[in-house]
Amino acid sequence: MELRAINRAAQVLSSVEAHPSGISLSEIAARVGLSKATTYRFVRALLAVDYLWLEPENRDYFIGPALLRFGRLTVRHEDLRILARPSLEALRTASAETVSLVVPVGSERMTIDVVLSEYELRAAPEVGSLKPIYAGAAGKAMLAWYSEAELRDVVNRATLKAVAPGTITSPAALRRELIRVRERGYAISIDETVHGQAASAAPIFRGDGKVIGSITVSGPKIRLTRAKLERQGMLARAATEKLSKKMGASAASLNVARPVVQR
């Protein structure tokens, strides 16, 4: 009896793991061949030990923080893209601007997904494109949570060359900017990667508090006032906090990831 229960619990977990963008109770029950009532008993037990996580808004289930923290499942770029896609689409609707998912690649950062604005005049980053990680909101949102050794390595390798009129090329100025990013929880940039473009971005964390990406809202600076950039930065931060929790980041680990930094 115990072995059968373990097998069924494993089937439930496998069903959820196969749907990184979320799966409903009805869908789980159909996949494991059990009634909804029986499936829910297993789901409830797995929720209790954080092996599953329930999204309160749409009632979809995800692999929980306990399994993710144990390292039994890894978040690859494709997994992250699938998990983040609903957040990107919701943020595009809320901001009306282009929203991108970005990950660090050494001293650069790569765009791995984009939801374009419906405006004719818009930001249009290409999936797979690379930019220096120190340039622009998307990179600064990640770089601000690098360790001192990681930050020093990036600065030494990149030599902070300008890629647009507003690119920060002074190591001291970059450090001051990263302090501001950590204090706000999001980054802002104007003319840092593309002339005439502005952006806001917030970091994505995994269960151990390490930053693994960022979500960016970008558009023409003629439309994005400072006030709009700040509002969109807060929207991006709310979206990435929710996404980080899906991938195992607890409220405590998110607080650790965002300490008050002394100037």
C-alpha atoms as a PDB file:
ATOM      1  CA  MET A   1       0.000   0.000   0.000  1.00  0.00           C
ATOM      2  CA  GLU A   2       2.814   2.407   0.925  1.00  0.00           C
ATOM      3  CA  LEU A   3       4.693   1.584  -2.283  1.00  0.00           C
ATOM      4  CA  ARG A   4       1.585   2.249  -4.349  1.00  0.00           C
ATOM      5  CA  ALA A   5       1.104   5.596  -2.628  1.00  0.00           C
ATOM      6  CA  ILE A   6       4.716   6.539  -3.335  1.00  0.00           C
ATOM      7  CA  ASN A   7       4.297   5.566  -6.983  1.00  0.00           C
ATOM      8  CA  ARG A   8       1.176   7.698  -7.291  1.00  0.00           C
ATOM      9  CA  ALA A   9       2.862  10.653  -5.643  1.00  0.00           C
ATOM     10  CA  ALA A  10       5.747  10.241  -8.098  1.00  0.00           C
ATOM     11  CA  GLN A  11       3.261  10.182 -10.991  1.00  0.00           C
ATOM     12  CA  VAL A  12       1.718  13.421  -9.759  1.00  0.00           C
ATOM     13  CA  LEU A  13       5.148  15.051  -9.541  1.00  0.00           C
ATOM     14  CA  SER A  14       6.078  13.794 -13.014  1.00  0.00           C
ATOM     15  CA  SER A  15       2.864  15.225 -14.438  1.00  0.00           C
ATOM     16  CA  VAL A  16       3.577  18.645 -12.939  1.00  0.00           C
ATOM     17  CA  GLU A  17       7.256  18.579 -13.939  1.00  0.00           C
ATOM     18  CA  ALA A  18       6.208  17.916 -17.544  1.00  0.00           C
ATOM     19  CA  HIS A  19       4.247  21.195 -17.546  1.00  0.00           C
ATOM     20  CA  PRO A  20       6.654  23.936 -16.366  1.00  0.00           C
ATOM     21  CA  SER A  21       4.120  26.618 -17.296  1.00  0.00           C
ATOM     22  CA  GLY A  22       1.610  25.154 -14.836  1.00  0.00           C
ATOM     23  CA  ILE A  23      -1.039  22.418 -14.767  1.00  0.00           C
ATOM     24  CA  SER A  24      -4.510  22.268 -13.232  1.00  0.00           C
ATOM     25  CA  LEU A  25      -5.803  19.657 -10.798  1.00  0.00           C
ATOM     26  CA  SER A  26      -8.125  18.246 -13.472  1.00  0.00           C
ATOM     27  CA  GLU A  27      -5.221  17.856 -15.890  1.00  0.00           C
ATOM     28  CA  ILE A  28      -3.096  16.114 -13.256  1.00  0.00           C
ATOM     29  CA  ALA A  29      -5.940  13.711 -12.461  1.00  0.00           C
ATOM     30  CA  ALA A  30      -6.384  12.895 -16.154  1.00  0.00           C
ATOM     31  CA  ARG A  31      -2.666  12.228 -16.627  1.00  0.00           C
ATOM     32  CA  VAL A  32      -2.321   9.929 -13.609  1.00  0.00           C
ATOM     33  CA  GLY A  33      -5.664   8.202 -14.158  1.00  0.00           C
ATOM     34  CA  LEU A  34      -7.194   8.998 -10.777  1.00  0.00           C
ATOM     35  CA  SER A  35     -10.311  10.833  -9.655  1.00  0.00           C
ATOM     36  CA  LYS A  36      -9.961  14.513  -8.791  1.00  0.00           C
ATOM     37  CA  ALA A  37     -10.709  13.738  -5.130  1.00  0.00           C
ATOM     38  CA  THR A  38      -7.980  11.094  -4.919  1.00  0.00           C
ATOM     39  CA  THR A  39      -5.529  13.232  -6.870  1.00  0.00           C
ATOM     40  CA  TYR A  40      -6.177  16.156  -4.568  1.00  0.00           C
ATOM     41  CA  ARG A  41      -5.229  14.062  -1.508  1.00  0.00           C
ATOM     42  CA  PHE A  42      -1.807  13.448  -3.044  1.00  0.00           C
ATOM     43  CA  VAL A  43      -1.497  17.046  -4.197  1.00  0.00           C
ATOM     44  CA  ARG A  44      -2.391  18.359  -0.747  1.00  0.00           C
ATOM     45  CA  ALA A  45       0.265  16.139   0.867  1.00  0.00           C
ATOM     46  CA  LEU A  46       2.891  17.316  -1.620  1.00  0.00           C
ATOM     47  CA  LEU A  47       1.917  20.958  -1.049  1.00  0.00           C
ATOM     48  CA  ALA A  48       2.383  20.475   2.689  1.00  0.00           C
ATOM     49  CA  VAL A  49       6.066  19.574   2.233  1.00  0.00           C
ATOM     50  CA  ASP A  50       6.696  22.185  -0.498  1.00  0.00           C
ATOM     51  CA  TYR A  51       7.148  19.558  -3.221  1.00  0.00           C
ATOM     52  CA  LEU A  52       4.391  21.357  -5.131  1.00  0.00           C
ATOM     53  CA  TRP A  53       3.455  25.015  -5.319  1.00  0.00           C
ATOM     54  CA  LEU A  54       0.002  26.437  -6.110  1.00  0.00           C
ATOM     55  CA  GLU A  55      -0.355  29.660  -8.073  1.00  0.00           C
ATOM     56  CA  PRO A  56      -3.190  31.379  -6.171  1.00  0.00           C
ATOM     57  CA  GLU A  57      -4.539  33.391  -9.099  1.00  0.00           C
ATOM     58  CA  ASN A  58      -5.102  30.753 -11.794  1.00  0.00           C
ATOM     59  CA  ARG A  59      -4.965  27.689  -9.465  1.00  0.00           C
ATOM     60  CA  ASP A  60      -2.248  25.979 -11.483  1.00  0.00           C
ATOM     61  CA  TYR A  61       0.341  23.731  -9.853  1.00  0.00           C
ATOM     62  CA  PHE A  62       4.125  23.909 -10.230  1.00  0.00           C
ATOM     63  CA  ILE A  63       7.094  21.977  -8.870  1.00  0.00           C
ATOM     64  CA  GLY A  64       7.638  23.350  -5.367  1.00  0.00           C
ATOM     65  CA  PRO A  65      10.593  25.111  -3.767  1.00  0.00           C
ATOM     66  CA  ALA A  66      11.716  22.096  -1.728  1.00  0.00           C
ATOM     67  CA  LEU A  67      12.539  20.026  -4.797  1.00  0.00           C
ATOM     68  CA  LEU A  68      14.069  22.968  -6.594  1.00  0.00           C
ATOM     69  CA  ARG A  69      16.267  23.861  -3.616  1.00  0.00           C
ATOM     70  CA  PHE A  70      17.422  20.255  -3.344  1.00  0.00           C
ATOM     71  CA  GLY A  71      18.758  20.622  -6.860  1.00  0.00           C
ATOM     72  CA  ARG A  72      16.833  17.629  -8.176  1.00  0.00           C
ATOM     73  CA  LEU A  73      15.529  19.789 -10.999  1.00  0.00           C
ATOM     74  CA  THR A  74      17.516  22.443 -12.824  1.00  0.00           C
ATOM     75  CA  VAL A  75      16.145  25.482 -14.579  1.00  0.00           C
ATOM     76  CA  ARG A  76      17.544  25.572 -18.100  1.00  0.00           C
ATOM     77  CA  HIS A  77      17.024  28.500 -20.441  1.00  0.00           C
ATOM     78  CA  GLU A  78      14.097  26.786 -22.135  1.00  0.00           C
ATOM     79  CA  ASP A  79      12.486  25.973 -18.778  1.00  0.00           C
ATOM     80  CA  LEU A  80      12.894  29.573 -17.733  1.00  0.00           C
ATOM     81  CA  ARG A  81      11.439  30.796 -21.016  1.00  0.00           C
ATOM     82  CA  ILE A  82       8.346  28.617 -20.608  1.00  0.00           C
ATOM     83  CA  LEU A  83       7.883  29.580 -16.965  1.00  0.00           C
ATOM     84  CA  ALA A  84       8.341  33.274 -17.654  1.00  0.00           C
ATOM     85  CA  ARG A  85       6.177  33.568 -20.794  1.00  0.00           C
ATOM     86  CA  PRO A  86       2.881  34.277 -18.917  1.00  0.00           C
ATOM     87  CA  SER A  87       4.659  36.965 -16.878  1.00  0.00           C
ATOM     88  CA  LEU A  88       6.057  38.562 -20.033  1.00  0.00           C
ATOM     89  CA  GLU A  89       2.659  38.642 -21.683  1.00  0.00           C
ATOM     90  CA  ALA A  90       0.944  40.060 -18.599  1.00  0.00           C
ATOM     91  CA  LEU A  91       3.615  42.732 -18.238  1.00  0.00           C
ATOM     92  CA  ARG A  92       3.315  43.685 -21.917  1.00  0.00           C
ATOM     93  CA  THR A  93      -0.430  44.136 -21.401  1.00  0.00           C
ATOM     94  CA  ALA A  94       0.118  46.238 -18.281  1.00  0.00           C
ATOM     95  CA  SER A  95       2.866  48.423 -19.781  1.00  0.00           C
ATOM     96  CA  ALA A  96       1.917  48.395 -23.496  1.00  0.00           C
ATOM     97  CA  GLU A  97       5.669  48.230 -24.190  1.00  0.00           C
ATOM     98  CA  THR A  98       7.999  45.464 -25.377  1.00  0.00           C
ATOM     99  CA  VAL A  99       8.928  42.949 -22.670  1.00  0.00           C
ATOM    100  CA  SER A 100      12.016  40.717 -22.823  1.00  0.00           C
ATOM    101  CA  LEU A 101      13.534  37.832 -20.886  1.00  0.00           C
ATOM    102  CA  VAL A 102      17.302  38.070 -20.505  1.00  0.00           C
ATOM    103  CA  VAL A 103      19.938  35.727 -19.019  1.00  0.00           C
ATOM    104  CA  PRO A 104      23.625  36.235 -18.174  1.00  0.00           C
ATOM    105  CA  VAL A 105      26.233  34.684 -20.493  1.00  0.00           C
ATOM    106  CA  GLY A 106      29.673  35.385 -19.059  1.00  0.00           C
ATOM    107  CA  SER A 107      30.389  39.108 -19.384  1.00  0.00           C
ATOM    108  CA  GLU A 108      27.430  39.476 -21.736  1.00  0.00           C
ATOM    109  CA  ARG A 109      23.684  39.002 -21.499  1.00  0.00           C
ATOM    110  CA  MET A 110      21.434  37.285 -24.000  1.00  0.00           C
ATOM    111  CA  THR A 111      17.781  37.878 -24.856  1.00  0.00           C
ATOM    112  CA  ILE A 112      15.959  34.526 -24.895  1.00  0.00           C
ATOM    113  CA  ASP A 113      12.347  35.646 -25.338  1.00  0.00           C
ATOM    114  CA  VAL A 114      10.494  38.781 -26.447  1.00  0.00           C
ATOM    115  CA  VAL A 115       6.854  39.911 -26.410  1.00  0.00           C
ATOM    116  CA  LEU A 116       6.644  42.917 -28.711  1.00  0.00           C
ATOM    117  CA  SER A 117       4.681  46.091 -28.049  1.00  0.00           C
ATOM    118  CA  GLU A 118       1.788  46.766 -30.394  1.00  0.00           C
ATOM    119  CA  TYR A 119       2.984  50.337 -30.960  1.00  0.00           C
ATOM    120  CA  GLU A 120       4.483  50.955 -34.382  1.00  0.00           C
ATOM    121  CA  LEU A 121       7.319  52.859 -32.703  1.00  0.00           C
ATOM    122  CA  ARG A 122       8.711  50.289 -30.282  1.00  0.00           C
ATOM    123  CA  ALA A 123      11.761  48.492 -28.974  1.00  0.00           C
ATOM    124  CA  ALA A 124      12.402  45.265 -30.895  1.00  0.00           C
ATOM    125  CA  PRO A 125      15.290  43.228 -29.445  1.00  0.00           C
ATOM    126  CA  GLU A 126      16.117  39.997 -31.274  1.00  0.00           C
ATOM    127  CA  VAL A 127      15.985  36.618 -29.553  1.00  0.00           C
ATOM    128  CA  GLY A 128      19.557  35.377 -29.266  1.00  0.00           C
ATOM    129  CA  SER A 129      21.099  38.847 -29.379  1.00  0.00           C
ATOM    130  CA  LEU A 130      23.999  39.602 -27.045  1.00  0.00           C
ATOM    131  CA  LYS A 131      24.998  42.831 -25.301  1.00  0.00           C
ATOM    132  CA  PRO A 132      27.547  43.637 -22.583  1.00  0.00           C
ATOM    133  CA  ILE A 133      26.037  42.803 -19.208  1.00  0.00           C
ATOM    134  CA  TYR A 134      27.026  46.195 -17.751  1.00  0.00           C
ATOM    135  CA  ALA A 135      25.096  48.108 -20.429  1.00  0.00           C
ATOM    136  CA  GLY A 136      21.379  48.776 -19.952  1.00  0.00           C
ATOM    137  CA  ALA A 137      18.714  47.964 -17.402  1.00  0.00           C
ATOM    138  CA  ALA A 138      18.512  44.256 -18.273  1.00  0.00           C
ATOM    139  CA  GLY A 139      22.160  43.666 -17.419  1.00  0.00           C
ATOM    140  CA  LYS A 140      22.353  46.007 -14.441  1.00  0.00           C
ATOM    141  CA  ALA A 141      19.334  44.269 -12.889  1.00  0.00           C
ATOM    142  CA  MET A 142      21.426  41.083 -12.775  1.00  0.00           C
ATOM    143  CA  LEU A 143      24.852  42.559 -12.175  1.00  0.00           C
ATOM    144  CA  ALA A 144      23.677  44.366  -9.034  1.00  0.00           C
ATOM    145  CA  TRP A 145      23.386  41.008  -7.260  1.00  0.00           C
ATOM    146  CA  TYR A 146      26.708  39.579  -8.348  1.00  0.00           C
ATOM    147  CA  SER A 147      29.308  38.877  -5.690  1.00  0.00           C
ATOM    148  CA  GLU A 148      32.255  41.249  -5.407  1.00  0.00           C
ATOM    149  CA  ALA A 149      34.497  38.700  -7.123  1.00  0.00           C
ATOM    150  CA  GLU A 150      32.014  38.163  -9.957  1.00  0.00           C
ATOM    151  CA  LEU A 151      31.544  41.897 -10.431  1.00  0.00           C
ATOM    152  CA  ARG A 152      35.281  42.532 -10.481  1.00  0.00           C
ATOM    153  CA  ASP A 153      35.750  39.760 -13.048  1.00  0.00           C
ATOM    154  CA  VAL A 154      33.081  41.235 -15.337  1.00  0.00           C
ATOM    155  CA  VAL A 155      34.494  44.750 -15.096  1.00  0.00           C
ATOM    156  CA  ASN A 156      38.032  43.529 -15.760  1.00  0.00           C
ATOM    157  CA  ARG A 157      37.032  41.443 -18.774  1.00  0.00           C
ATOM    158  CA  ALA A 158      34.591  43.876 -20.332  1.00  0.00           C
ATOM    159  CA  THR A 159      36.619  47.088 -19.876  1.00  0.00           C
ATOM    160  CA  LEU A 160      33.282  48.980 -19.969  1.00  0.00           C
ATOM    161  CA  LYS A 161      33.284  50.122 -23.576  1.00  0.00           C
ATOM    162  CA  ALA A 162      30.457  52.389 -24.741  1.00  0.00           C
ATOM    163  CA  VAL A 163      27.829  50.795 -26.971  1.00  0.00           C
ATOM    164  CA  ALA A 164      25.505  53.836 -27.006  1.00  0.00           C
ATOM    165  CA  PRO A 165      25.659  57.485 -25.857  1.00  0.00           C
ATOM    166  CA  GLY A 166      24.471  56.722 -22.314  1.00  0.00           C
ATOM    167  CA  THR A 167      26.531  53.604 -21.565  1.00  0.00           C
ATOM    168  CA  ILE A 168      28.226  53.754 -18.150  1.00  0.00           C
ATOM    169  CA  THR A 169      31.960  53.365 -18.789  1.00  0.00           C
ATOM    170  CA  SER A 170      33.375  54.302 -15.392  1.00  0.00           C
ATOM    171  CA  PRO A 171      33.761  51.418 -12.888  1.00  0.00           C
ATOM    172  CA  ALA A 172      33.098  53.806  -9.993  1.00  0.00           C
ATOM    173  CA  ALA A 173      29.952  55.182 -11.636  1.00  0.00           C
ATOM    174  CA  LEU A 174      28.762  51.651 -12.393  1.00  0.00           C
ATOM    175  CA  ARG A 175      29.190  50.619  -8.760  1.00  0.00           C
ATOM    176  CA  ARG A 176      27.195  53.650  -7.597  1.00  0.00           C
ATOM    177  CA  GLU A 177      24.466  52.792 -10.078  1.00  0.00           C
ATOM    178  CA  LEU A 178      24.343  49.168  -8.913  1.00  0.00           C
ATOM    179  CA  ILE A 179      23.863  50.337  -5.330  1.00  0.00           C
ATOM    180  CA  ARG A 180      20.820  52.314  -6.475  1.00  0.00           C
ATOM    181  CA  VAL A 181      19.523  49.261  -8.348  1.00  0.00           C
ATOM    182  CA  ARG A 182      19.754  47.099  -5.225  1.00  0.00           C
ATOM    183  CA  GLU A 183      18.035  49.721  -3.105  1.00  0.00           C
ATOM    184  CA  ARG A 184      15.102  49.988  -5.565  1.00  0.00           C
ATOM    185  CA  GLY A 185      14.923  46.352  -6.573  1.00  0.00           C
ATOM    186  CA  TYR A 186      14.943  47.269 -10.262  1.00  0.00           C
ATOM    187  CA  ALA A 187      17.149  49.007 -12.834  1.00  0.00           C
ATOM    188  CA  ILE A 188      16.479  51.898 -15.209  1.00  0.00           C
ATOM    189  CA  SER A 189      18.419  52.897 -18.309  1.00  0.00           C
ATOM    190  CA  ILE A 190      18.191  55.613 -20.963  1.00  0.00           C
ATOM    191  CA  ASP A 191      20.339  55.565 -24.120  1.00  0.00           C
ATOM    192  CA  GLU A 192      22.626  52.915 -22.585  1.00  0.00           C
ATOM    193  CA  THR A 193      22.344  50.220 -25.267  1.00  0.00           C
ATOM    194  CA  VAL A 194      20.353  51.813 -28.102  1.00  0.00           C
ATOM    195  CA  HIS A 195      20.220  55.531 -28.827  1.00  0.00           C
ATOM    196  CA  GLY A 196      16.696  56.797 -28.131  1.00  0.00           C
ATOM    197  CA  GLN A 197      15.628  53.752 -26.122  1.00  0.00           C
ATOM    198  CA  ALA A 198      14.780  53.488 -22.420  1.00  0.00           C
ATOM    199  CA  ALA A 199      14.091  50.480 -20.206  1.00  0.00           C
ATOM    200  CA  SER A 200      13.286  49.159 -16.752  1.00  0.00           C
ATOM    201  CA  ALA A 201      14.266  45.689 -15.540  1.00  0.00           C
ATOM    202  CA  ALA A 202      14.096  43.489 -12.440  1.00  0.00           C
ATOM    203  CA  PRO A 203      16.082  40.368 -11.486  1.00  0.00           C
ATOM    204  CA  ILE A 204      14.982  36.732 -11.346  1.00  0.00           C
ATOM    205  CA  PHE A 205      16.377  34.546  -8.549  1.00  0.00           C
ATOM    206  CA  ARG A 206      16.568  30.811  -8.029  1.00  0.00           C
ATOM    207  CA  GLY A 207      16.083  29.055  -4.683  1.00  0.00           C
ATOM    208  CA  ASP A 208      19.528  29.807  -3.270  1.00  0.00           C
ATOM    209  CA  GLY A 209      19.197  33.537  -3.986  1.00  0.00           C
ATOM    210  CA  LYS A 210      21.478  33.531  -7.033  1.00  0.00           C
ATOM    211  CA  VAL A 211      20.345  35.792  -9.871  1.00  0.00           C
ATOM    212  CA  ILE A 212      19.662  33.854 -13.094  1.00  0.00           C
ATOM    213  CA  GLY A 213      18.010  36.418 -15.357  1.00  0.00           C
ATOM    214  CA  SER A 214      15.925  39.541 -15.662  1.00  0.00           C
ATOM    215  CA  ILE A 215      12.674  40.752 -17.174  1.00  0.00           C
ATOM    216  CA  THR A 216      12.868  44.038 -19.058  1.00  0.00           C
ATOM    217  CA  VAL A 217      10.276  46.564 -20.224  1.00  0.00           C
ATOM    218  CA  SER A 218      11.660  48.748 -23.012  1.00  0.00           C
ATOM    219  CA  GLY A 219      10.536  51.363 -25.510  1.00  0.00           C
ATOM    220  CA  PRO A 220      11.358  54.749 -27.050  1.00  0.00           C
ATOM    221  CA  LYS A 221      12.543  57.288 -24.494  1.00  0.00           C
ATOM    222  CA  ILE A 222      10.254  59.917 -26.025  1.00  0.00           C
ATOM    223  CA  ARG A 223       7.343  57.902 -24.608  1.00  0.00           C
ATOM    224  CA  LEU A 224       8.941  56.569 -21.441  1.00  0.00           C
ATOM    225  CA  THR A 225       9.230  59.385 -18.929  1.00  0.00           C
ATOM    226  CA  ARG A 226      11.148  58.874 -15.712  1.00  0.00           C
ATOM    227  CA  ALA A 227       7.867  58.375 -13.844  1.00  0.00           C
ATOM    228  CA  LYS A 228       6.794  55.702 -16.335  1.00  0.00           C
ATOM    229  CA  LEU A 229      10.146  53.943 -16.073  1.00  0.00           C
ATOM    230  CA  GLU A 230       9.788  53.815 -12.302  1.00  0.00           C
ATOM    231  CA  ARG A 231       6.234  52.456 -12.484  1.00  0.00           C
ATOM    232  CA  GLN A 232       7.289  49.839 -14.991  1.00  0.00           C
ATOM    233  CA  GLY A 233      10.279  48.947 -12.850  1.00  0.00           C
ATOM    234  CA  MET A 234       7.947  48.216  -9.936  1.00  0.00           C
ATOM    235  CA  LEU A 235       5.686  46.154 -12.198  1.00  0.00           C
ATOM    236  CA  ALA A 236       8.708  44.190 -13.423  1.00  0.00           C
ATOM    237  CA  ARG A 237       9.891  43.635  -9.846  1.00  0.00           C
ATOM    238  CA  ALA A 238       6.476  42.272  -8.820  1.00  0.00           C
ATOM    239  CA  ALA A 239       6.522  39.934 -11.827  1.00  0.00           C
ATOM    240  CA  THR A 240      10.036  38.629 -11.169  1.00  0.00           C
ATOM    241  CA  GLU A 241       9.361  38.078  -7.476  1.00  0.00           C
ATOM    242  CA  LYS A 242       6.390  35.879  -8.352  1.00  0.00           C
ATOM    243  CA  LEU A 243       8.456  34.046 -10.971  1.00  0.00           C
ATOM    244  CA  SER A 244      11.352  33.575  -8.545  1.00  0.00           C
ATOM    245  CA  LYS A 245       9.012  31.946  -6.042  1.00  0.00           C
ATOM    246  CA  LYS A 246       7.860  29.516  -8.724  1.00  0.00           C
ATOM    247  CA  MET A 247      11.486  28.430  -9.111  1.00  0.00           C
ATOM    248  CA  GLY A 248      12.087  27.843  -5.429  1.00  0.00           C
ATOM    249  CA  ALA A 249      13.016  31.246  -4.050  1.00  0.00           C
ATOM    250  CA  SER A 250      11.346  31.670  -0.679  1.00  0.00           C
ATOM    251  CA  ALA A 251      10.325  35.025   0.746  1.00  0.00           C
ATOM    252  CA  ALA A 252      13.322  34.733   3.083  1.00  0.00           C
ATOM    253  CA  SER A 253      15.776  34.087   0.241  1.00  0.00           C
ATOM    254  CA  LEU A 254      14.389  37.038  -1.702  1.00  0.00           C
ATOM    255  CA  ASN A 255      14.956  39.262   1.309  1.00  0.00           C
ATOM    256  CA  VAL A 256      18.516  37.979   1.591  1.00  0.00           C
ATOM    257  CA  ALA A 257      18.996  38.700  -2.108  1.00  0.00           C
ATOM    258  CA  ARG A 258      18.009  42.319  -1.562  1.00  0.00           C
ATOM    259  CA  PRO A 259      19.897  43.668   1.465  1.00  0.00           C
ATOM    260  CA  VAL A 260      20.266  47.347   2.170  1.00  0.00           C
ATOM    261  CA  VAL A 261      23.617  48.279   0.652  1.00  0.00           C
ATOM    262  CA  GLN A 262      25.726  50.933   2.325  1.00  0.00           C
ATOM    263  CA  ARG A 263      27.108  53.680   0.139  1.00  0.00           C
END
